[in-house]
Amino acid sequence: MTNKSTTRTTSKQSTAPVSSGLAVTSLVLGVVSFTGFGLITGIPAIILGIIALNKKQGERSMSIAGIVMGAISTFFSLLFILFVIIMFIIAVPHESAPYEDSPGINEDWFKSSEV
């Protein structure tokens, strides 16, 4: 009788999804954009998320989360900048009446009060 030793090669394939650096970076930038760096990190989060989706790299949900958080942060940052500009325009004094014609102290008052 011959003994045949059979060796089985079992390859364990990883079932974990391959994460892309673009998707992870998009997600991280999207999270960081909520800390006050809306335009600085929000816009790159949107761009990198779209690139990761187009290349079909990594988890799709991470790319989408980065895009959504970046978009929300960018929207509110732009809204805040618009608010500041409008408040600045309102706060700047407008020259509605010239100072010479305004009632109050004028040159005649100084002349009449001389002792």
PDB file of N, CA and C in Angstrom:
ATOM      1  N   MET A   1       0.828  -1.163   0.000  1.00  0.00           N
ATOM      2  CA  MET A   1       0.000   0.000   0.000  1.00  0.00           C
ATOM      3  C   MET A   1       0.876   1.231   0.000  1.00  0.00           C
ATOM      4  N   THR A   2       0.468   2.091  -0.762  1.00  0.00           N
ATOM      5  CA  THR A   2       1.221   3.326  -0.837  1.00  0.00           C
ATOM      6  C   THR A   2       0.480   4.419  -0.107  1.00  0.00           C
ATOM      7  N   ASN A   3       1.240   5.096   0.670  1.00  0.00           N
ATOM      8  CA  ASN A   3       0.689   6.226   1.407  1.00  0.00           C
ATOM      9  C   ASN A   3       0.922   7.493   0.606  1.00  0.00           C
ATOM     10  N   LYS A   4      -0.131   8.078   0.215  1.00  0.00           N
ATOM     11  CA  LYS A   4       0.000   9.354  -0.478  1.00  0.00           C
ATOM     12  C   LYS A   4      -0.427  10.442   0.491  1.00  0.00           C
ATOM     13  N   SER A   5       0.509  11.220   0.775  1.00  0.00           N
ATOM     14  CA  SER A   5       0.151  12.340   1.653  1.00  0.00           C
ATOM     15  C   SER A   5      -0.325  13.482   0.779  1.00  0.00           C
ATOM     16  N   THR A   6      -1.489  13.793   1.002  1.00  0.00           N
ATOM     17  CA  THR A   6      -2.075  14.896   0.235  1.00  0.00           C
ATOM     18  C   THR A   6      -2.038  16.154   1.087  1.00  0.00           C
ATOM     19  N   THR A   7      -1.523  17.122   0.502  1.00  0.00           N
ATOM     20  CA  THR A   7      -1.492  18.414   1.206  1.00  0.00           C
ATOM     21  C   THR A   7      -2.486  19.343   0.545  1.00  0.00           C
ATOM     22  N   ARG A   8      -3.257  19.880   1.359  1.00  0.00           N
ATOM     23  CA  ARG A   8      -4.243  20.838   0.872  1.00  0.00           C
ATOM     24  C   ARG A   8      -3.734  22.239   1.173  1.00  0.00           C
ATOM     25  N   THR A   9      -3.818  22.987   0.183  1.00  0.00           N
ATOM     26  CA  THR A   9      -3.454  24.386   0.397  1.00  0.00           C
ATOM     27  C   THR A   9      -4.744  25.180   0.516  1.00  0.00           C
ATOM     28  N   THR A  10      -4.935  25.649   1.692  1.00  0.00           N
ATOM     29  CA  THR A  10      -6.137  26.460   1.912  1.00  0.00           C
ATOM     30  C   THR A  10      -5.715  27.916   1.935  1.00  0.00           C
ATOM     31  N   SER A  11      -6.292  28.614   1.075  1.00  0.00           N
ATOM     32  CA  SER A  11      -5.983  30.047   1.046  1.00  0.00           C
ATOM     33  C   SER A  11      -7.131  30.790   1.716  1.00  0.00           C
ATOM     34  N   LYS A  12      -6.735  31.503   2.692  1.00  0.00           N
ATOM     35  CA  LYS A  12      -7.732  32.299   3.398  1.00  0.00           C
ATOM     36  C   LYS A  12      -7.803  33.659   2.723  1.00  0.00           C
ATOM     37  N   GLN A  13      -8.910  33.888   2.132  1.00  0.00           N
ATOM     38  CA  GLN A  13      -9.092  35.171   1.483  1.00  0.00           C
ATOM     39  C   GLN A  13      -9.761  36.120   2.451  1.00  0.00           C
ATOM     40  N   SER A  14      -9.243  37.288   2.465  1.00  0.00           N
ATOM     41  CA  SER A  14      -9.783  38.298   3.368  1.00  0.00           C
ATOM     42  C   SER A  14     -11.131  38.775   2.845  1.00  0.00           C
ATOM     43  N   THR A  15     -12.092  38.757   3.712  1.00  0.00           N
ATOM     44  CA  THR A  15     -13.409  39.242   3.319  1.00  0.00           C
ATOM     45  C   THR A  15     -13.605  40.699   3.689  1.00  0.00           C
ATOM     46  N   ALA A  16     -12.609  41.268   4.359  1.00  0.00           N
ATOM     47  CA  ALA A  16     -12.711  42.681   4.722  1.00  0.00           C
ATOM     48  C   ALA A  16     -12.509  43.529   3.471  1.00  0.00           C
ATOM     49  N   PRO A  17     -13.315  44.579   3.337  1.00  0.00           N
ATOM     50  CA  PRO A  17     -13.175  45.413   2.151  1.00  0.00           C
ATOM     51  C   PRO A  17     -11.857  46.189   2.192  1.00  0.00           C
ATOM     52  N   VAL A  18     -11.304  46.358   1.040  1.00  0.00           N
ATOM     53  CA  VAL A  18     -10.060  47.100   0.927  1.00  0.00           C
ATOM     54  C   VAL A  18     -10.400  48.589   1.029  1.00  0.00           C
ATOM     55  N   SER A  19      -9.809  49.236   2.008  1.00  0.00           N
ATOM     56  CA  SER A  19     -10.116  50.657   2.166  1.00  0.00           C
ATOM     57  C   SER A  19      -9.111  51.470   1.372  1.00  0.00           C
ATOM     58  N   SER A  20      -9.613  52.473   0.742  1.00  0.00           N
ATOM     59  CA  SER A  20      -8.769  53.334  -0.065  1.00  0.00           C
ATOM     60  C   SER A  20      -8.312  54.513   0.766  1.00  0.00           C
ATOM     61  N   GLY A  21      -7.120  54.969   0.491  1.00  0.00           N
ATOM     62  CA  GLY A  21      -6.621  56.150   1.175  1.00  0.00           C
ATOM     63  C   GLY A  21      -7.459  57.371   0.851  1.00  0.00           C
ATOM     64  N   LEU A  22      -7.998  57.413  -0.365  1.00  0.00           N
ATOM     65  CA  LEU A  22      -8.829  58.557  -0.751  1.00  0.00           C
ATOM     66  C   LEU A  22     -10.125  58.599   0.046  1.00  0.00           C
ATOM     67  N   ALA A  23     -10.747  57.445   0.224  1.00  0.00           N
ATOM     68  CA  ALA A  23     -12.004  57.404   0.973  1.00  0.00           C
ATOM     69  C   ALA A  23     -11.774  57.754   2.443  1.00  0.00           C
ATOM     70  N   VAL A  24     -10.709  57.230   3.019  1.00  0.00           N
ATOM     71  CA  VAL A  24     -10.393  57.518   4.418  1.00  0.00           C
ATOM     72  C   VAL A  24     -10.058  58.998   4.594  1.00  0.00           C
ATOM     73  N   THR A  25      -9.261  59.529   3.670  1.00  0.00           N
ATOM     74  CA  THR A  25      -8.893  60.941   3.748  1.00  0.00           C
ATOM     75  C   THR A  25     -10.111  61.830   3.594  1.00  0.00           C
ATOM     76  N   SER A  26     -11.015  61.478   2.704  1.00  0.00           N
ATOM     77  CA  SER A  26     -12.249  62.237   2.532  1.00  0.00           C
ATOM     78  C   SER A  26     -13.073  62.240   3.817  1.00  0.00           C
ATOM     79  N   LEU A  27     -13.161  61.090   4.459  1.00  0.00           N
ATOM     80  CA  LEU A  27     -13.919  60.996   5.706  1.00  0.00           C
ATOM     81  C   LEU A  27     -13.263  61.819   6.810  1.00  0.00           C
ATOM     82  N   VAL A  28     -11.950  61.717   6.935  1.00  0.00           N
ATOM     83  CA  VAL A  28     -11.239  62.463   7.980  1.00  0.00           C
ATOM     84  C   VAL A  28     -11.377  63.969   7.748  1.00  0.00           C
ATOM     85  N   LEU A  29     -11.198  64.412   6.517  1.00  0.00           N
ATOM     86  CA  LEU A  29     -11.349  65.840   6.222  1.00  0.00           C
ATOM     87  C   LEU A  29     -12.776  66.312   6.450  1.00  0.00           C
ATOM     88  N   GLY A  30     -13.743  65.459   6.168  1.00  0.00           N
ATOM     89  CA  GLY A  30     -15.139  65.811   6.429  1.00  0.00           C
ATOM     90  C   GLY A  30     -15.408  65.990   7.913  1.00  0.00           C
ATOM     91  N   VAL A  31     -14.831  65.124   8.731  1.00  0.00           N
ATOM     92  CA  VAL A  31     -15.004  65.246  10.186  1.00  0.00           C
ATOM     93  C   VAL A  31     -14.296  66.497  10.704  1.00  0.00           C
ATOM     94  N   VAL A  32     -13.077  66.727  10.224  1.00  0.00           N
ATOM     95  CA  VAL A  32     -12.301  67.887  10.678  1.00  0.00           C
ATOM     96  C   VAL A  32     -12.967  69.190  10.238  1.00  0.00           C
ATOM     97  N   SER A  33     -13.676  69.153   9.123  1.00  0.00           N
ATOM     98  CA  SER A  33     -14.315  70.378   8.636  1.00  0.00           C
ATOM     99  C   SER A  33     -15.389  70.898   9.587  1.00  0.00           C
ATOM    100  N   PHE A  34     -15.902  70.053  10.449  1.00  0.00           N
ATOM    101  CA  PHE A  34     -16.915  70.496  11.418  1.00  0.00           C
ATOM    102  C   PHE A  34     -16.295  71.199  12.618  1.00  0.00           C
ATOM    103  N   THR A  35     -14.976  71.195  12.724  1.00  0.00           N
ATOM    104  CA  THR A  35     -14.336  71.830  13.871  1.00  0.00           C
ATOM    105  C   THR A  35     -14.036  73.303  13.646  1.00  0.00           C
ATOM    106  N   GLY A  36     -14.421  73.840  12.506  1.00  0.00           N
ATOM    107  CA  GLY A  36     -14.217  75.251  12.250  1.00  0.00           C
ATOM    108  C   GLY A  36     -13.409  75.540  11.017  1.00  0.00           C
ATOM    109  N   PHE A  37     -12.914  74.509  10.365  1.00  0.00           N
ATOM    110  CA  PHE A  37     -12.133  74.690   9.152  1.00  0.00           C
ATOM    111  C   PHE A  37     -12.971  74.325   7.933  1.00  0.00           C
ATOM    112  N   GLY A  38     -14.163  74.855   7.864  1.00  0.00           N
ATOM    113  CA  GLY A  38     -15.135  74.443   6.856  1.00  0.00           C
ATOM    114  C   GLY A  38     -14.665  74.504   5.429  1.00  0.00           C
ATOM    115  N   LEU A  39     -14.186  75.649   4.987  1.00  0.00           N
ATOM    116  CA  LEU A  39     -13.771  75.768   3.591  1.00  0.00           C
ATOM    117  C   LEU A  39     -12.426  75.115   3.339  1.00  0.00           C
ATOM    118  N   ILE A  40     -11.544  75.163   4.323  1.00  0.00           N
ATOM    119  CA  ILE A  40     -10.193  74.640   4.132  1.00  0.00           C
ATOM    120  C   ILE A  40     -10.204  73.124   3.996  1.00  0.00           C
ATOM    121  N   THR A  41     -11.024  72.443   4.765  1.00  0.00           N
ATOM    122  CA  THR A  41     -11.043  70.977   4.699  1.00  0.00           C
ATOM    123  C   THR A  41     -12.320  70.423   4.074  1.00  0.00           C
ATOM    124  N   GLY A  42     -13.359  71.223   3.999  1.00  0.00           N
ATOM    125  CA  GLY A  42     -14.611  70.745   3.424  1.00  0.00           C
ATOM    126  C   GLY A  42     -14.532  70.511   1.931  1.00  0.00           C
ATOM    127  N   ILE A  43     -13.938  71.465   1.222  1.00  0.00           N
ATOM    128  CA  ILE A  43     -13.840  71.343  -0.233  1.00  0.00           C
ATOM    129  C   ILE A  43     -12.944  70.169  -0.640  1.00  0.00           C
ATOM    130  N   PRO A  44     -11.760  69.999  -0.022  1.00  0.00           N
ATOM    131  CA  PRO A  44     -10.973  68.793  -0.367  1.00  0.00           C
ATOM    132  C   PRO A  44     -11.685  67.490  -0.003  1.00  0.00           C
ATOM    133  N   ALA A  45     -12.487  67.493   1.051  1.00  0.00           N
ATOM    134  CA  ALA A  45     -13.238  66.277   1.404  1.00  0.00           C
ATOM    135  C   ALA A  45     -14.215  65.913   0.298  1.00  0.00           C
ATOM    136  N   ILE A  46     -14.861  66.925  -0.268  1.00  0.00           N
ATOM    137  CA  ILE A  46     -15.796  66.671  -1.372  1.00  0.00           C
ATOM    138  C   ILE A  46     -15.047  66.140  -2.588  1.00  0.00           C
ATOM    139  N   ILE A  47     -13.954  66.784  -2.936  1.00  0.00           N
ATOM    140  CA  ILE A  47     -13.191  66.400  -4.128  1.00  0.00           C
ATOM    141  C   ILE A  47     -12.633  64.982  -3.995  1.00  0.00           C
ATOM    142  N   LEU A  48     -12.000  64.677  -2.859  1.00  0.00           N
ATOM    143  CA  LEU A  48     -11.418  63.347  -2.681  1.00  0.00           C
ATOM    144  C   LEU A  48     -12.492  62.266  -2.600  1.00  0.00           C
ATOM    145  N   GLY A  49     -13.637  62.580  -2.011  1.00  0.00           N
ATOM    146  CA  GLY A  49     -14.732  61.618  -1.959  1.00  0.00           C
ATOM    147  C   GLY A  49     -15.259  61.279  -3.339  1.00  0.00           C
ATOM    148  N   ILE A  50     -15.376  62.297  -4.189  1.00  0.00           N
ATOM    149  CA  ILE A  50     -15.852  62.063  -5.556  1.00  0.00           C
ATOM    150  C   ILE A  50     -14.831  61.243  -6.346  1.00  0.00           C
ATOM    151  N   ILE A  51     -13.556  61.550  -6.177  1.00  0.00           N
ATOM    152  CA  ILE A  51     -12.511  60.781  -6.871  1.00  0.00           C
ATOM    153  C   ILE A  51     -12.530  59.318  -6.419  1.00  0.00           C
ATOM    154  N   ALA A  52     -12.690  59.095  -5.107  1.00  0.00           N
ATOM    155  CA  ALA A  52     -12.736  57.717  -4.589  1.00  0.00           C
ATOM    156  C   ALA A  52     -13.950  56.969  -5.129  1.00  0.00           C
ATOM    157  N   LEU A  53     -15.083  57.663  -5.258  1.00  0.00           N
ATOM    158  CA  LEU A  53     -16.273  57.005  -5.818  1.00  0.00           C
ATOM    159  C   LEU A  53     -16.076  56.676  -7.293  1.00  0.00           C
ATOM    160  N   ASN A  54     -15.475  57.588  -8.035  1.00  0.00           N
ATOM    161  CA  ASN A  54     -15.264  57.347  -9.464  1.00  0.00           C
ATOM    162  C   ASN A  54     -14.275  56.213  -9.716  1.00  0.00           C
ATOM    163  N   LYS A  55     -13.258  56.098  -8.878  1.00  0.00           N
ATOM    164  CA  LYS A  55     -12.279  55.015  -9.031  1.00  0.00           C
ATOM    165  C   LYS A  55     -12.773  53.709  -8.418  1.00  0.00           C
ATOM    166  N   LYS A  56     -13.879  53.771  -7.700  1.00  0.00           N
ATOM    167  CA  LYS A  56     -14.469  52.613  -7.023  1.00  0.00           C
ATOM    168  C   LYS A  56     -13.461  51.950  -6.097  1.00  0.00           C
ATOM    169  N   GLN A  57     -12.782  52.792  -5.343  1.00  0.00           N
ATOM    170  CA  GLN A  57     -11.806  52.299  -4.381  1.00  0.00           C
ATOM    171  C   GLN A  57     -12.372  52.425  -2.982  1.00  0.00           C
ATOM    172  N   GLY A  58     -12.105  51.449  -2.178  1.00  0.00           N
ATOM    173  CA  GLY A  58     -12.487  51.519  -0.773  1.00  0.00           C
ATOM    174  C   GLY A  58     -13.974  51.385  -0.558  1.00  0.00           C
ATOM    175  N   GLU A  59     -14.353  51.654   0.650  1.00  0.00           N
ATOM    176  CA  GLU A  59     -15.757  51.558   1.000  1.00  0.00           C
ATOM    177  C   GLU A  59     -16.503  52.753   0.446  1.00  0.00           C
ATOM    178  N   ARG A  60     -17.593  52.471  -0.178  1.00  0.00           N
ATOM    179  CA  ARG A  60     -18.422  53.522  -0.769  1.00  0.00           C
ATOM    180  C   ARG A  60     -19.011  54.418   0.299  1.00  0.00           C
ATOM    181  N   SER A  61     -19.371  53.844   1.438  1.00  0.00           N
ATOM    182  CA  SER A  61     -20.006  54.612   2.501  1.00  0.00           C
ATOM    183  C   SER A  61     -19.066  55.651   3.098  1.00  0.00           C
ATOM    184  N   MET A  62     -17.768  55.338   3.160  1.00  0.00           N
ATOM    185  CA  MET A  62     -16.802  56.304   3.689  1.00  0.00           C
ATOM    186  C   MET A  62     -16.678  57.501   2.750  1.00  0.00           C
ATOM    187  N   SER A  63     -16.670  57.241   1.461  1.00  0.00           N
ATOM    188  CA  SER A  63     -16.589  58.326   0.486  1.00  0.00           C
ATOM    189  C   SER A  63     -17.828  59.204   0.550  1.00  0.00           C
ATOM    190  N   ILE A  64     -18.978  58.582   0.635  1.00  0.00           N
ATOM    191  CA  ILE A  64     -20.233  59.337   0.692  1.00  0.00           C
ATOM    192  C   ILE A  64     -20.314  60.150   1.973  1.00  0.00           C
ATOM    193  N   ALA A  65     -19.886  59.575   3.086  1.00  0.00           N
ATOM    194  CA  ALA A  65     -19.898  60.309   4.355  1.00  0.00           C
ATOM    195  C   ALA A  65     -18.970  61.520   4.293  1.00  0.00           C
ATOM    196  N   GLY A  66     -17.805  61.359   3.689  1.00  0.00           N
ATOM    197  CA  GLY A  66     -16.883  62.477   3.529  1.00  0.00           C
ATOM    198  C   GLY A  66     -17.460  63.570   2.653  1.00  0.00           C
ATOM    199  N   ILE A  67     -18.127  63.173   1.568  1.00  0.00           N
ATOM    200  CA  ILE A  67     -18.754  64.150   0.671  1.00  0.00           C
ATOM    201  C   ILE A  67     -19.865  64.904   1.383  1.00  0.00           C
ATOM    202  N   VAL A  68     -20.712  64.187   2.093  1.00  0.00           N
ATOM    203  CA  VAL A  68     -21.851  64.821   2.773  1.00  0.00           C
ATOM    204  C   VAL A  68     -21.373  65.766   3.872  1.00  0.00           C
ATOM    205  N   MET A  69     -20.443  65.322   4.702  1.00  0.00           N
ATOM    206  CA  MET A  69     -19.958  66.187   5.780  1.00  0.00           C
ATOM    207  C   MET A  69     -19.212  67.395   5.227  1.00  0.00           C
ATOM    208  N   GLY A  70     -18.430  67.187   4.171  1.00  0.00           N
ATOM    209  CA  GLY A  70     -17.732  68.313   3.552  1.00  0.00           C
ATOM    210  C   GLY A  70     -18.696  69.311   2.940  1.00  0.00           C
ATOM    211  N   ALA A  71     -19.755  68.813   2.312  1.00  0.00           N
ATOM    212  CA  ALA A  71     -20.743  69.700   1.689  1.00  0.00           C
ATOM    213  C   ALA A  71     -21.517  70.497   2.736  1.00  0.00           C
ATOM    214  N   ILE A  72     -21.927  69.840   3.806  1.00  0.00           N
ATOM    215  CA  ILE A  72     -22.671  70.540   4.869  1.00  0.00           C
ATOM    216  C   ILE A  72     -21.780  71.601   5.503  1.00  0.00           C
ATOM    217  N   SER A  73     -20.552  71.250   5.797  1.00  0.00           N
ATOM    218  CA  SER A  73     -19.624  72.185   6.419  1.00  0.00           C
ATOM    219  C   SER A  73     -19.323  73.362   5.495  1.00  0.00           C
ATOM    220  N   THR A  74     -19.107  73.099   4.214  1.00  0.00           N
ATOM    221  CA  THR A  74     -18.835  74.166   3.250  1.00  0.00           C
ATOM    222  C   THR A  74     -20.041  75.084   3.112  1.00  0.00           C
ATOM    223  N   PHE A  75     -21.239  74.519   3.078  1.00  0.00           N
ATOM    224  CA  PHE A  75     -22.453  75.324   2.968  1.00  0.00           C
ATOM    225  C   PHE A  75     -22.592  76.269   4.151  1.00  0.00           C
ATOM    226  N   PHE A  76     -22.427  75.739   5.365  1.00  0.00           N
ATOM    227  CA  PHE A  76     -22.573  76.600   6.539  1.00  0.00           C
ATOM    228  C   PHE A  76     -21.442  77.615   6.659  1.00  0.00           C
ATOM    229  N   SER A  77     -20.255  77.265   6.192  1.00  0.00           N
ATOM    230  CA  SER A  77     -19.156  78.231   6.194  1.00  0.00           C
ATOM    231  C   SER A  77     -19.440  79.387   5.241  1.00  0.00           C
ATOM    232  N   LEU A  78     -19.939  79.066   4.052  1.00  0.00           N
ATOM    233  CA  LEU A  78     -20.294  80.117   3.103  1.00  0.00           C
ATOM    234  C   LEU A  78     -21.447  80.968   3.620  1.00  0.00           C
ATOM    235  N   LEU A  79     -22.401  80.327   4.279  1.00  0.00           N
ATOM    236  CA  LEU A  79     -23.517  81.063   4.868  1.00  0.00           C
ATOM    237  C   LEU A  79     -23.022  82.009   5.954  1.00  0.00           C
ATOM    238  N   PHE A  80     -22.071  81.569   6.770  1.00  0.00           N
ATOM    239  CA  PHE A  80     -21.511  82.415   7.817  1.00  0.00           C
ATOM    240  C   PHE A  80     -20.741  83.591   7.219  1.00  0.00           C
ATOM    241  N   ILE A  81     -19.967  83.332   6.163  1.00  0.00           N
ATOM    242  CA  ILE A  81     -19.223  84.414   5.516  1.00  0.00           C
ATOM    243  C   ILE A  81     -20.187  85.439   4.922  1.00  0.00           C
ATOM    244  N   LEU A  82     -21.252  84.981   4.302  1.00  0.00           N
ATOM    245  CA  LEU A  82     -22.268  85.889   3.766  1.00  0.00           C
ATOM    246  C   LEU A  82     -22.912  86.708   4.874  1.00  0.00           C
ATOM    247  N   PHE A  83     -23.192  86.076   6.002  1.00  0.00           N
ATOM    248  CA  PHE A  83     -23.771  86.774   7.150  1.00  0.00           C
ATOM    249  C   PHE A  83     -22.829  87.864   7.654  1.00  0.00           C
ATOM    250  N   VAL A  84     -21.544  87.551   7.762  1.00  0.00           N
ATOM    251  CA  VAL A  84     -20.563  88.535   8.237  1.00  0.00           C
ATOM    252  C   VAL A  84     -20.473  89.706   7.267  1.00  0.00           C
ATOM    253  N   ILE A  85     -20.496  89.437   5.975  1.00  0.00           N
ATOM    254  CA  ILE A  85     -20.435  90.511   4.982  1.00  0.00           C
ATOM    255  C   ILE A  85     -21.664  91.403   5.080  1.00  0.00           C
ATOM    256  N   ILE A  86     -22.835  90.796   5.219  1.00  0.00           N
ATOM    257  CA  ILE A  86     -24.063  91.588   5.339  1.00  0.00           C
ATOM    258  C   ILE A  86     -24.047  92.416   6.617  1.00  0.00           C
ATOM    259  N   MET A  87     -23.596  91.830   7.716  1.00  0.00           N
ATOM    260  CA  MET A  87     -23.528  92.589   8.971  1.00  0.00           C
ATOM    261  C   MET A  87     -22.519  93.730   8.872  1.00  0.00           C
ATOM    262  N   PHE A  88     -21.430  93.518   8.165  1.00  0.00           N
ATOM    263  CA  PHE A  88     -20.435  94.572   7.980  1.00  0.00           C
ATOM    264  C   PHE A  88     -21.023  95.719   7.159  1.00  0.00           C
ATOM    265  N   ILE A  89     -21.773  95.384   6.120  1.00  0.00           N
ATOM    266  CA  ILE A  89     -22.395  96.413   5.287  1.00  0.00           C
ATOM    267  C   ILE A  89     -23.418  97.212   6.090  1.00  0.00           C
ATOM    268  N   ILE A  90     -24.173  96.525   6.929  1.00  0.00           N
ATOM    269  CA  ILE A  90     -25.177  97.209   7.747  1.00  0.00           C
ATOM    270  C   ILE A  90     -24.505  98.065   8.816  1.00  0.00           C
ATOM    271  N   ALA A  91     -23.416  97.592   9.370  1.00  0.00           N
ATOM    272  CA  ALA A  91     -22.776  98.282  10.487  1.00  0.00           C
ATOM    273  C   ALA A  91     -21.983  99.516  10.058  1.00  0.00           C
ATOM    274  N   VAL A  92     -21.540  99.568   8.818  1.00  0.00           N
ATOM    275  CA  VAL A  92     -20.765 100.718   8.354  1.00  0.00           C
ATOM    276  C   VAL A  92     -21.697 101.926   8.296  1.00  0.00           C
ATOM    277  N   PRO A  93     -21.305 103.030   8.949  1.00  0.00           N
ATOM    278  CA  PRO A  93     -22.198 104.197   8.945  1.00  0.00           C
ATOM    279  C   PRO A  93     -22.307 104.797   7.547  1.00  0.00           C
ATOM    280  N   HIS A  94     -23.523 105.072   7.190  1.00  0.00           N
ATOM    281  CA  HIS A  94     -23.779 105.696   5.905  1.00  0.00           C
ATOM    282  C   HIS A  94     -23.885 107.193   6.111  1.00  0.00           C
ATOM    283  N   GLU A  95     -23.442 107.933   5.158  1.00  0.00           N
ATOM    284  CA  GLU A  95     -23.488 109.384   5.262  1.00  0.00           C
ATOM    285  C   GLU A  95     -24.867 109.838   4.809  1.00  0.00           C
ATOM    286  N   SER A  96     -25.806 109.831   5.736  1.00  0.00           N
ATOM    287  CA  SER A  96     -27.169 110.205   5.384  1.00  0.00           C
ATOM    288  C   SER A  96     -27.347 111.717   5.385  1.00  0.00           C
ATOM    289  N   ALA A  97     -26.732 112.407   6.313  1.00  0.00           N
ATOM    290  CA  ALA A  97     -26.828 113.868   6.370  1.00  0.00           C
ATOM    291  C   ALA A  97     -25.430 114.430   6.583  1.00  0.00           C
ATOM    292  N   PRO A  98     -25.081 115.441   5.832  1.00  0.00           N
ATOM    293  CA  PRO A  98     -23.768 116.050   6.053  1.00  0.00           C
ATOM    294  C   PRO A  98     -23.678 116.654   7.447  1.00  0.00           C
ATOM    295  N   TYR A  99     -22.469 116.669   7.988  1.00  0.00           N
ATOM    296  CA  TYR A  99     -22.285 117.163   9.345  1.00  0.00           C
ATOM    297  C   TYR A  99     -22.537 118.657   9.463  1.00  0.00           C
ATOM    298  N   GLU A 100     -22.303 119.423   8.385  1.00  0.00           N
ATOM    299  CA  GLU A 100     -22.506 120.859   8.473  1.00  0.00           C
ATOM    300  C   GLU A 100     -23.971 121.215   8.652  1.00  0.00           C
ATOM    301  N   ASP A 101     -24.838 120.467   8.043  1.00  0.00           N
ATOM    302  CA  ASP A 101     -26.261 120.789   8.102  1.00  0.00           C
ATOM    303  C   ASP A 101     -26.975 120.151   9.287  1.00  0.00           C
ATOM    304  N   SER A 102     -26.300 119.341  10.003  1.00  0.00           N
ATOM    305  CA  SER A 102     -26.966 118.663  11.102  1.00  0.00           C
ATOM    306  C   SER A 102     -27.162 119.618  12.270  1.00  0.00           C
ATOM    307  N   PRO A 103     -28.272 119.479  12.968  1.00  0.00           N
ATOM    308  CA  PRO A 103     -28.510 120.364  14.109  1.00  0.00           C
ATOM    309  C   PRO A 103     -27.536 120.058  15.237  1.00  0.00           C
ATOM    310  N   GLY A 104     -27.244 121.029  16.038  1.00  0.00           N
ATOM    311  CA  GLY A 104     -26.325 120.830  17.138  1.00  0.00           C
ATOM    312  C   GLY A 104     -25.330 121.970  17.186  1.00  0.00           C
ATOM    313  N   ILE A 105     -24.139 121.670  17.556  1.00  0.00           N
ATOM    314  CA  ILE A 105     -23.114 122.692  17.711  1.00  0.00           C
ATOM    315  C   ILE A 105     -22.626 123.132  16.332  1.00  0.00           C
ATOM    316  N   ASN A 106     -22.622 124.437  16.114  1.00  0.00           N
ATOM    317  CA  ASN A 106     -22.073 124.987  14.882  1.00  0.00           C
ATOM    318  C   ASN A 106     -21.174 126.167  15.219  1.00  0.00           C
ATOM    319  N   GLU A 107     -20.644 126.815  14.197  1.00  0.00           N
ATOM    320  CA  GLU A 107     -19.703 127.907  14.427  1.00  0.00           C
ATOM    321  C   GLU A 107     -20.357 129.099  15.109  1.00  0.00           C
ATOM    322  N   ASP A 108     -21.625 129.355  14.863  1.00  0.00           N
ATOM    323  CA  ASP A 108     -22.306 130.481  15.489  1.00  0.00           C
ATOM    324  C   ASP A 108     -22.368 130.309  17.004  1.00  0.00           C
ATOM    325  N   TRP A 109     -22.477 129.116  17.454  1.00  0.00           N
ATOM    326  CA  TRP A 109     -22.550 128.872  18.888  1.00  0.00           C
ATOM    327  C   TRP A 109     -21.239 129.263  19.551  1.00  0.00           C
ATOM    328  N   PHE A 110     -20.125 128.949  18.885  1.00  0.00           N
ATOM    329  CA  PHE A 110     -18.817 129.302  19.437  1.00  0.00           C
ATOM    330  C   PHE A 110     -18.639 130.830  19.486  1.00  0.00           C
ATOM    331  N   LYS A 111     -19.119 131.546  18.477  1.00  0.00           N
ATOM    332  CA  LYS A 111     -18.961 132.998  18.417  1.00  0.00           C
ATOM    333  C   LYS A 111     -19.813 133.700  19.484  1.00  0.00           C
ATOM    334  N   SER A 112     -20.988 133.193  19.736  1.00  0.00           N
ATOM    335  CA  SER A 112     -21.862 133.849  20.690  1.00  0.00           C
ATOM    336  C   SER A 112     -21.481 133.550  22.138  1.00  0.00           C
ATOM    337  N   SER A 113     -20.726 132.497  22.367  1.00  0.00           N
ATOM    338  CA  SER A 113     -20.378 132.156  23.735  1.00  0.00           C
ATOM    339  C   SER A 113     -19.047 132.728  24.173  1.00  0.00           C
ATOM    340  N   GLU A 114     -18.432 133.554  23.354  1.00  0.00           N
ATOM    341  CA  GLU A 114     -17.151 134.143  23.749  1.00  0.00           C
ATOM    342  C   GLU A 114     -17.358 135.159  24.852  1.00  0.00           C
ATOM    343  N   VAL A 115     -16.525 135.166  25.807  1.00  0.00           N
ATOM    344  CA  VAL A 115     -16.653 136.082  26.942  1.00  0.00           C
ATOM    345  C   VAL A 115     -15.708 137.211  26.834  1.00  0.00           C
TER     346      VAL A 115
END
